[in-house]
Amino acid sequence: MNPVKQLELADGVVFNSISDNRFKTMKLTANIFLPLDEENVSANALLCYVLVRCCKKYPDMLTMSRKLGSLYGAEVNGSVSKMGDMQCLKIDIGGLCDRYAIGGEKISEELSKLLCEVIFNPKVENGKFCESDMLQEKRQIFDMIDSDFNDKRVYASQRLTEIMCADEVYGLKWCGTKEWLDEVTPERLYKAWENMLNTAHFEFTFVGESNPDNAAAVIKNSFKEINRNPVDLSTDVVYSVFEEKNVVEEMDVAQSKLEIGFRTACAEPESETVATRLMSVILGGTASSKLFNNVREKKSLCYYCMSRYFRLKGIMVVESGVETANIEAAKKAILAEIEDMKNGKISDFEINSAKLAVINSTLGVTDTVTGLATWYSSQIMDASVDTPEEACRKIEAVTKEDIVKAADKLMLDTIYVLKAGV
């Protein structure tokens, strides 16, 4: 039986609760979904980090820290990511379960109230956010952008996505660009906050032993006065490739990067995503994968070589770091491994090793409240919400024929090379 209890609190506002008495802590997560678009992506990203900084009731980092300390060292965090063609603003709060409170306090209710203070009652005045708070968070995001640029492995991966999805919103970075961020004003940030409350799809996830009813009531009450017109959760999936793209960029780096993007013709909520994921793991997801053993170890063509499958967008990416002289040889070797898979050259050992790796990783999410919250939050665009155990059974059921079919659907879309300059 699925342990997730789901309740709709308002239009486009869903409250999920998972009861688990193994933990001394609980976590309440708000996943806030907005469409990716050039006009709003930077303002939305900045908004998330400004919100978790403080709120009207606790108007600076010191008073916010004192409040969190009074709740047995609770924590509030924010992050921004892409889920398909949606931008996800994640705000979560974690702390002690009620039964461990010394004075019998309802910690879960207090944490829920504080999360709602952060989201619904920020430090705003006269239709704008505090400029000094906003500028400090801007600098933090600028640093993150610089960090991504300086890490050439991350940079090359982002460039592949930009080139491959140039005509899709998925090509945007999670925070937009420095230029777009620089243009965000306190007034613009306020409009982004209003738009979030009115149009975003909210998924709240409560994990822990405490009674979730108080948290649900606090959140429901916060939406009472808001006129909701929520967006639909949707992602455009490309099922064909009309022209392969090849892009080479030179840069003064020590190691060249080879990135290859494929369309898989398979994305959520299609059931074949399980086989496609396993196919990607067999190709380059573990130390027993084809790319690791054959391209890296046996042929010594790269420093690293791995594959990743993005099931919401139907894209698979192969990433590798290579010597400049080995770029062409590595590319041919990688594509040859994929052709072998299409032709059924997959051993039982490779299949079993990949299944074991995925199953171990999946069961590992049950070890923490954060892992469980992330697990269930990540499935809101799926056909069904599975427990980790149910997901493992689906992995076990995948056959070699399913894997070959998934490989046979792969279509080469983009090859990007970050070439070490002379």
Protein backbone atom coordinates (compact mmCIF):
# COMPACT_ATOMS: atom_id res chain seq x y z
CA MET A 1 0.00 0.00 0.00
CA ASN A 2 1.29 3.45 -0.90
CA PRO A 3 2.14 5.34 2.33
CA VAL A 4 1.52 8.75 0.75
CA LYS A 5 -1.67 10.48 1.85
CA GLN A 6 -2.65 13.25 -0.54
CA LEU A 7 -4.95 16.19 0.13
CA GLU A 8 -5.86 19.12 -2.11
CA LEU A 9 -5.80 22.26 0.01
CA ALA A 10 -6.66 24.74 -2.73
CA ASP A 11 -6.67 24.96 -6.51
CA GLY A 12 -3.24 23.71 -7.59
CA VAL A 13 -2.09 23.20 -3.99
CA VAL A 14 -1.44 19.60 -2.94
CA PHE A 15 -0.37 18.38 0.50
CA ASN A 16 1.41 15.02 0.65
CA SER A 17 2.18 13.33 3.96
CA ILE A 18 4.36 10.30 4.64
CA SER A 19 4.28 8.90 8.16
CA ASP A 20 7.50 7.26 9.33
CA ASN A 21 8.40 6.64 12.96
CA ARG A 22 12.06 5.73 12.35
CA PHE A 23 13.26 9.31 12.55
CA LYS A 24 13.64 11.83 15.35
CA THR A 25 13.25 14.67 12.88
CA MET A 26 10.59 15.77 10.38
CA LYS A 27 10.70 17.77 7.18
CA LEU A 28 8.14 19.95 5.42
CA THR A 29 8.98 20.82 1.84
CA ALA A 30 7.29 23.26 -0.52
CA ASN A 31 8.02 22.54 -4.18
CA ILE A 32 6.77 25.53 -6.13
CA PHE A 33 6.48 25.03 -9.90
CA LEU A 34 6.47 27.82 -12.46
CA PRO A 35 6.98 27.68 -16.24
CA LEU A 36 10.50 28.26 -17.50
CA ASP A 37 10.62 31.44 -19.57
CA GLU A 38 13.11 34.19 -20.32
CA GLU A 39 10.99 36.93 -18.79
CA ASN A 40 10.67 35.40 -15.33
CA VAL A 41 13.38 32.78 -14.83
CA SER A 42 15.90 35.09 -13.13
CA ALA A 43 13.36 36.89 -10.94
CA ASN A 44 11.90 33.57 -9.79
CA ALA A 45 15.30 32.14 -8.92
CA LEU A 46 16.27 35.26 -6.98
CA LEU A 47 12.90 35.26 -5.20
CA CYS A 48 13.50 31.80 -3.74
CA TYR A 49 16.74 32.81 -2.04
CA VAL A 50 15.41 36.15 -0.82
CA LEU A 51 12.39 34.45 0.76
CA VAL A 52 14.42 31.98 2.85
CA ARG A 53 16.69 34.76 4.08
CA CYS A 54 14.13 36.32 6.43
CA CYS A 55 10.50 37.44 6.62
CA LYS A 56 8.41 40.30 7.99
CA LYS A 57 8.07 38.70 11.43
CA TYR A 58 11.80 37.90 11.61
CA PRO A 59 13.22 40.69 9.44
CA ASP A 60 16.92 39.87 9.45
CA MET A 61 19.19 36.84 9.53
CA LEU A 62 19.90 37.25 13.25
CA THR A 63 16.26 37.21 14.39
CA MET A 64 15.50 34.38 11.96
CA SER A 65 18.44 32.39 13.33
CA ARG A 66 17.24 32.95 16.91
CA LYS A 67 13.76 31.73 16.01
CA LEU A 68 15.16 28.60 14.38
CA GLY A 69 17.34 28.03 17.43
CA SER A 70 14.31 28.23 19.72
CA LEU A 71 12.80 25.38 17.69
CA TYR A 72 15.59 23.00 18.70
CA GLY A 73 17.90 24.08 15.89
CA ALA A 74 15.46 23.92 12.99
CA GLU A 75 16.70 24.78 9.49
CA VAL A 76 15.17 26.60 6.52
CA ASN A 77 16.71 26.12 3.09
CA GLY A 78 15.98 27.10 -0.48
CA SER A 79 17.13 25.86 -3.86
CA VAL A 80 16.16 26.23 -7.51
CA SER A 81 16.23 23.61 -10.24
CA LYS A 82 14.64 22.58 -13.53
CA MET A 83 12.11 19.75 -13.74
CA GLY A 84 11.32 19.30 -17.39
CA ASP A 85 10.08 22.63 -18.73
CA MET A 86 9.19 23.82 -15.23
CA GLN A 87 11.27 25.85 -12.82
CA CYS A 88 11.09 24.44 -9.30
CA LEU A 89 11.58 26.71 -6.29
CA LYS A 90 12.16 24.44 -3.32
CA ILE A 91 11.74 25.81 0.20
CA ASP A 92 11.95 23.38 3.08
CA ILE A 93 12.05 23.44 6.84
CA GLY A 94 13.24 20.63 9.07
CA GLY A 95 13.32 20.06 12.79
CA LEU A 96 12.58 17.85 15.75
CA CYS A 97 9.54 15.55 15.85
CA ASP A 98 6.88 16.58 18.37
CA ARG A 99 7.35 13.69 20.80
CA TYR A 100 10.98 14.62 21.47
CA ALA A 101 10.19 18.20 22.50
CA ILE A 102 11.03 18.68 26.18
CA GLY A 103 8.04 20.85 26.99
CA GLY A 104 5.54 18.99 24.83
CA GLU A 105 5.52 21.74 22.20
CA LYS A 106 3.86 21.14 18.86
CA ILE A 107 7.05 21.65 16.89
CA SER A 108 5.48 20.50 13.63
CA GLU A 109 2.85 23.23 13.88
CA GLU A 110 5.46 25.87 14.71
CA LEU A 111 7.62 24.80 11.78
CA SER A 112 4.61 24.93 9.46
CA LYS A 113 3.77 28.45 10.65
CA LEU A 114 7.35 29.58 10.09
CA LEU A 115 7.44 28.11 6.58
CA CYS A 116 4.22 29.97 5.78
CA GLU A 117 5.68 33.19 7.21
CA VAL A 118 8.60 32.79 4.81
CA ILE A 119 6.42 32.12 1.75
CA PHE A 120 3.34 34.27 2.41
CA ASN A 121 4.57 37.09 4.63
CA PRO A 122 8.00 38.21 3.37
CA LYS A 123 9.76 41.43 4.30
CA VAL A 124 8.13 43.78 1.79
CA GLU A 125 7.07 47.40 1.99
CA ASN A 126 5.27 49.67 -0.47
CA GLY A 127 5.14 47.00 -3.15
CA LYS A 128 8.80 46.05 -3.14
CA PHE A 129 11.35 43.82 -1.41
CA CYS A 130 14.22 45.09 0.70
CA GLU A 131 16.92 46.18 -1.75
CA SER A 132 19.90 45.29 0.47
CA ASP A 133 18.58 41.76 0.99
CA MET A 134 18.02 41.39 -2.74
CA LEU A 135 21.49 42.65 -3.66
CA GLN A 136 23.19 40.23 -1.27
CA GLU A 137 21.32 37.27 -2.73
CA LYS A 138 22.10 38.49 -6.25
CA ARG A 139 25.79 38.34 -5.41
CA GLN A 140 25.36 34.79 -4.14
CA ILE A 141 23.77 33.70 -7.42
CA PHE A 142 26.47 35.53 -9.39
CA ASP A 143 29.01 33.47 -7.46
CA MET A 144 27.13 30.28 -8.35
CA ILE A 145 27.15 31.24 -12.03
CA ASP A 146 30.89 31.94 -11.86
CA SER A 147 31.44 28.61 -10.11
CA ASP A 148 29.59 26.79 -12.91
CA PHE A 149 31.73 28.55 -15.50
CA ASN A 150 34.96 27.74 -13.69
CA ASP A 151 34.03 24.06 -13.40
CA LYS A 152 34.45 23.12 -17.05
CA ARG A 153 32.68 19.81 -16.59
CA VAL A 154 29.56 21.66 -15.44
CA TYR A 155 30.04 24.37 -18.06
CA ALA A 156 30.28 21.87 -20.92
CA SER A 157 27.14 20.08 -19.73
CA GLN A 158 25.23 23.36 -19.62
CA ARG A 159 26.46 24.36 -23.08
CA LEU A 160 25.27 21.06 -24.54
CA THR A 161 21.80 21.66 -23.12
CA GLU A 162 21.76 25.24 -24.42
CA ILE A 163 22.71 24.14 -27.93
CA MET A 164 20.60 20.99 -28.03
CA CYS A 165 17.49 22.77 -26.71
CA ALA A 166 18.08 26.19 -28.28
CA ASP A 167 14.46 26.32 -29.48
CA GLU A 168 13.03 25.00 -26.20
CA VAL A 169 12.67 26.63 -22.81
CA TYR A 170 14.64 23.70 -21.36
CA GLY A 171 17.73 25.34 -22.86
CA LEU A 172 17.52 28.09 -20.23
CA LYS A 173 19.67 27.92 -17.11
CA TRP A 174 17.86 27.52 -13.82
CA CYS A 175 18.65 31.16 -12.96
CA GLY A 176 18.88 32.74 -16.39
CA THR A 177 21.90 34.94 -16.99
CA LYS A 178 23.87 37.54 -15.05
CA GLU A 179 22.44 40.24 -17.30
CA TRP A 180 18.85 39.19 -16.62
CA LEU A 181 19.52 38.97 -12.88
CA ASP A 182 21.09 42.40 -12.87
CA GLU A 183 17.88 43.85 -14.30
CA VAL A 184 15.67 42.53 -11.50
CA THR A 185 14.51 45.36 -9.24
CA PRO A 186 12.84 45.19 -5.79
CA GLU A 187 9.56 46.09 -7.50
CA ARG A 188 10.01 43.39 -10.14
CA LEU A 189 10.77 40.87 -7.40
CA TYR A 190 7.52 41.80 -5.65
CA LYS A 191 5.57 41.15 -8.87
CA ALA A 192 7.30 37.78 -9.19
CA TRP A 193 6.20 36.93 -5.64
CA GLU A 194 2.60 37.91 -6.38
CA ASN A 195 2.66 35.88 -9.57
CA MET A 196 4.03 32.88 -7.67
CA LEU A 197 1.23 32.97 -5.11
CA ASN A 198 -1.44 33.33 -7.78
CA THR A 199 -0.24 30.98 -10.51
CA ALA A 200 2.38 28.49 -9.26
CA HIS A 201 1.58 24.84 -8.66
CA PHE A 202 2.42 24.04 -5.02
CA GLU A 203 3.36 20.57 -3.82
CA PHE A 204 3.88 20.35 -0.06
CA THR A 205 5.45 17.17 1.31
CA PHE A 206 5.44 16.33 5.02
CA VAL A 207 7.69 13.48 6.20
CA GLY A 208 8.01 12.30 9.79
CA GLU A 209 6.26 10.83 12.79
CA SER A 210 4.38 13.96 13.85
CA ASN A 211 0.70 14.43 13.00
CA PRO A 212 0.55 16.24 9.62
CA ASP A 213 -2.98 17.59 10.16
CA ASN A 214 -1.80 20.74 11.93
CA ALA A 215 0.65 21.52 9.13
CA ALA A 216 -2.05 20.98 6.49
CA ALA A 217 -4.43 23.30 8.35
CA VAL A 218 -1.84 26.07 8.64
CA ILE A 219 -1.03 25.88 4.92
CA LYS A 220 -4.67 25.72 3.86
CA ASN A 221 -5.45 28.81 5.91
CA SER A 222 -2.58 30.68 4.23
CA PHE A 223 -4.20 30.25 0.81
CA LYS A 224 -7.68 31.43 1.87
CA GLU A 225 -7.35 34.99 0.63
CA ILE A 226 -5.36 34.22 -2.54
CA ASN A 227 -7.07 34.25 -5.91
CA ARG A 228 -5.61 31.16 -7.55
CA ASN A 229 -5.17 30.52 -11.28
CA PRO A 230 -2.52 27.78 -11.30
CA VAL A 231 -0.44 26.78 -14.29
CA ASP A 232 -0.48 23.30 -15.76
CA LEU A 233 2.52 21.06 -15.20
CA SER A 234 3.70 20.20 -18.69
CA THR A 235 6.85 19.55 -20.69
CA ASP A 236 7.32 19.46 -24.45
CA VAL A 237 9.15 16.31 -25.52
CA VAL A 238 10.93 16.09 -28.89
CA TYR A 239 10.44 12.70 -30.53
CA SER A 240 12.54 13.14 -33.67
CA VAL A 241 15.81 14.69 -34.88
CA PHE A 242 15.86 16.46 -38.22
CA GLU A 243 19.44 17.68 -38.18
CA GLU A 244 22.42 16.71 -36.06
CA LYS A 245 24.26 19.64 -34.50
CA ASN A 246 28.04 19.75 -34.12
CA VAL A 247 29.59 22.61 -32.17
CA VAL A 248 33.25 23.06 -31.23
CA GLU A 249 34.42 25.83 -28.92
CA GLU A 250 38.03 26.49 -27.96
CA MET A 251 39.09 27.64 -24.53
CA ASP A 252 42.27 27.80 -22.51
CA VAL A 253 41.64 24.64 -20.48
CA ALA A 254 43.84 21.68 -19.57
CA GLN A 255 41.36 19.00 -20.60
CA SER A 256 38.91 18.89 -23.50
CA LYS A 257 35.27 17.96 -22.89
CA LEU A 258 33.15 15.83 -25.21
CA GLU A 259 29.38 16.01 -24.70
CA ILE A 260 26.91 14.01 -26.79
CA GLY A 261 23.15 14.51 -26.53
CA PHE A 262 20.51 12.01 -27.64
CA ARG A 263 16.74 12.12 -27.89
CA THR A 264 15.30 8.97 -26.34
CA ALA A 265 11.72 9.24 -27.68
CA CYS A 266 10.64 8.30 -24.16
CA ALA A 267 9.67 10.55 -21.26
CA GLU A 268 7.34 10.58 -18.27
CA PRO A 269 4.59 9.55 -17.92
CA GLU A 270 5.42 6.73 -20.38
CA SER A 271 6.07 3.37 -18.72
CA GLU A 272 9.15 2.71 -20.90
CA THR A 273 11.12 5.28 -18.90
CA VAL A 274 12.15 2.51 -16.47
CA ALA A 275 13.84 0.50 -19.24
CA THR A 276 15.37 3.66 -20.71
CA ARG A 277 16.86 4.59 -17.36
CA LEU A 278 18.33 1.12 -16.96
CA MET A 279 19.71 1.25 -20.49
CA SER A 280 21.51 4.51 -19.63
CA VAL A 281 22.96 2.97 -16.46
CA ILE A 282 24.25 -0.04 -18.41
CA LEU A 283 25.82 2.32 -20.93
CA GLY A 284 27.56 4.64 -18.50
CA GLY A 285 26.08 4.78 -15.02
CA THR A 286 28.37 2.57 -12.94
CA ALA A 287 31.92 1.23 -12.67
CA SER A 288 30.71 -1.91 -14.49
CA SER A 289 29.19 0.05 -17.39
CA LYS A 290 30.22 -0.20 -21.03
CA LEU A 291 31.65 3.30 -21.23
CA PHE A 292 33.71 2.92 -18.07
CA ASN A 293 35.10 -0.50 -18.88
CA ASN A 294 35.52 -0.31 -22.63
CA VAL A 295 36.10 3.34 -23.51
CA ARG A 296 37.89 4.49 -20.37
CA GLU A 297 39.66 1.40 -19.02
CA LYS A 298 40.42 -0.81 -22.01
CA LYS A 299 40.98 1.88 -24.66
CA SER A 300 42.18 4.65 -22.31
CA LEU A 301 40.42 7.27 -24.44
CA CYS A 302 39.10 9.49 -21.65
CA TYR A 303 39.54 10.50 -18.03
CA TYR A 304 35.87 9.97 -17.27
CA CYS A 305 32.92 8.82 -19.36
CA MET A 306 29.35 8.56 -18.14
CA SER A 307 25.74 8.80 -19.27
CA ARG A 308 22.70 10.41 -17.68
CA TYR A 309 19.01 10.13 -18.53
CA PHE A 310 16.59 13.02 -17.94
CA ARG A 311 13.28 11.20 -17.88
CA LEU A 312 11.04 14.28 -17.72
CA LYS A 313 12.53 15.69 -20.93
CA GLY A 314 13.35 12.44 -22.77
CA ILE A 315 17.04 13.27 -23.18
CA MET A 316 20.16 11.17 -22.57
CA VAL A 317 23.58 12.79 -22.32
CA VAL A 318 27.03 11.21 -22.53
CA GLU A 319 29.75 13.26 -20.82
CA SER A 320 33.49 12.70 -21.04
CA GLY A 321 36.80 14.42 -20.39
CA VAL A 322 39.42 13.67 -23.04
CA GLU A 323 42.81 14.63 -24.40
CA THR A 324 42.37 16.82 -27.48
CA ALA A 325 44.11 14.22 -29.64
CA ASN A 326 41.58 11.58 -28.56
CA ILE A 327 38.35 13.48 -29.25
CA GLU A 328 37.46 11.73 -32.51
CA ALA A 329 38.50 8.29 -31.29
CA ALA A 330 36.48 8.71 -28.09
CA LYS A 331 33.44 9.86 -30.03
CA LYS A 332 33.60 6.84 -32.35
CA ALA A 333 34.10 4.48 -29.41
CA ILE A 334 31.11 5.90 -27.52
CA LEU A 335 28.83 5.66 -30.55
CA ALA A 336 30.07 2.13 -31.21
CA GLU A 337 29.02 1.06 -27.69
CA ILE A 338 25.53 2.40 -28.36
CA GLU A 339 25.35 0.53 -31.67
CA ASP A 340 26.33 -2.65 -29.83
CA MET A 341 23.45 -2.12 -27.43
CA LYS A 342 21.05 -1.59 -30.32
CA ASN A 343 22.27 -4.89 -31.76
CA GLY A 344 21.64 -6.71 -28.49
CA LYS A 345 25.23 -6.98 -27.29
CA ILE A 346 24.40 -6.69 -23.60
CA SER A 347 25.53 -9.34 -21.13
CA ASP A 348 23.56 -10.69 -18.19
CA PHE A 349 26.34 -9.42 -15.92
CA GLU A 350 25.91 -5.87 -17.24
CA ILE A 351 22.14 -6.02 -16.77
CA ASN A 352 22.30 -7.49 -13.26
CA SER A 353 25.03 -5.06 -12.16
CA ALA A 354 23.00 -2.09 -13.39
CA LYS A 355 19.83 -3.35 -11.70
CA LEU A 356 21.68 -3.84 -8.43
CA ALA A 357 23.16 -0.34 -8.58
CA VAL A 358 19.78 1.29 -9.27
CA ILE A 359 18.02 -0.74 -6.59
CA ASN A 360 20.67 0.08 -3.96
CA SER A 361 20.46 3.75 -4.84
CA THR A 362 16.67 3.71 -4.73
CA LEU A 363 16.44 1.97 -1.36
CA GLY A 364 19.00 4.42 0.02
CA VAL A 365 16.46 7.26 -0.14
CA THR A 366 14.57 5.68 2.76
CA ASP A 367 17.47 6.34 5.14
CA THR A 368 16.65 10.02 5.76
CA VAL A 369 13.63 12.31 5.88
CA THR A 370 15.27 14.45 3.19
CA GLY A 371 15.70 11.43 0.94
CA LEU A 372 12.06 10.42 1.35
CA ALA A 373 10.79 13.97 0.77
CA THR A 374 12.88 14.29 -2.39
CA TRP A 375 11.81 10.86 -3.63
CA TYR A 376 8.09 11.59 -3.50
CA SER A 377 8.41 15.20 -4.63
CA SER A 378 10.27 14.10 -7.77
CA GLN A 379 7.32 12.01 -8.97
CA ILE A 380 4.60 14.63 -9.32
CA MET A 381 4.80 14.54 -13.14
CA ASP A 382 4.84 10.74 -13.29
CA ALA A 383 1.98 8.47 -14.26
CA SER A 384 1.90 7.07 -10.72
CA VAL A 385 3.59 7.70 -7.39
CA ASP A 386 5.64 4.64 -6.43
CA THR A 387 7.23 3.71 -3.16
CA PRO A 388 10.95 2.90 -3.39
CA GLU A 389 10.06 -0.78 -3.08
CA GLU A 390 7.56 -0.57 -5.95
CA ALA A 391 10.14 1.23 -8.09
CA CYS A 392 12.64 -1.56 -7.39
CA ARG A 393 10.15 -4.20 -8.52
CA LYS A 394 9.69 -2.32 -11.79
CA ILE A 395 13.46 -2.29 -12.28
CA GLU A 396 13.66 -6.02 -11.60
CA ALA A 397 10.94 -6.66 -14.20
CA VAL A 398 12.86 -5.00 -17.06
CA THR A 399 14.05 -7.54 -19.63
CA LYS A 400 16.96 -7.50 -22.04
CA GLU A 401 14.48 -7.03 -24.88
CA ASP A 402 13.11 -3.90 -23.15
CA ILE A 403 16.64 -2.50 -22.85
CA VAL A 404 17.47 -3.18 -26.50
CA LYS A 405 14.23 -1.47 -27.57
CA ALA A 406 15.13 1.56 -25.45
CA ALA A 407 18.61 1.72 -27.00
CA ASP A 408 17.15 1.34 -30.49
CA LYS A 409 15.10 4.52 -29.98
CA LEU A 410 18.19 6.66 -29.32
CA MET A 411 18.68 9.44 -31.85
CA LEU A 412 21.90 11.44 -31.97
CA ASP A 413 21.00 15.12 -31.68
CA THR A 414 24.03 17.20 -30.66
CA ILE A 415 27.78 16.81 -30.26
CA TYR A 416 29.49 19.57 -28.32
CA VAL A 417 33.25 19.79 -27.86
CA LEU A 418 34.99 22.17 -25.48
CA LYS A 419 38.42 21.98 -27.02
CA ALA A 420 41.57 22.81 -25.11
CA GLY A 421 43.10 25.79 -26.88
CA VAL A 422 46.73 25.92 -27.92
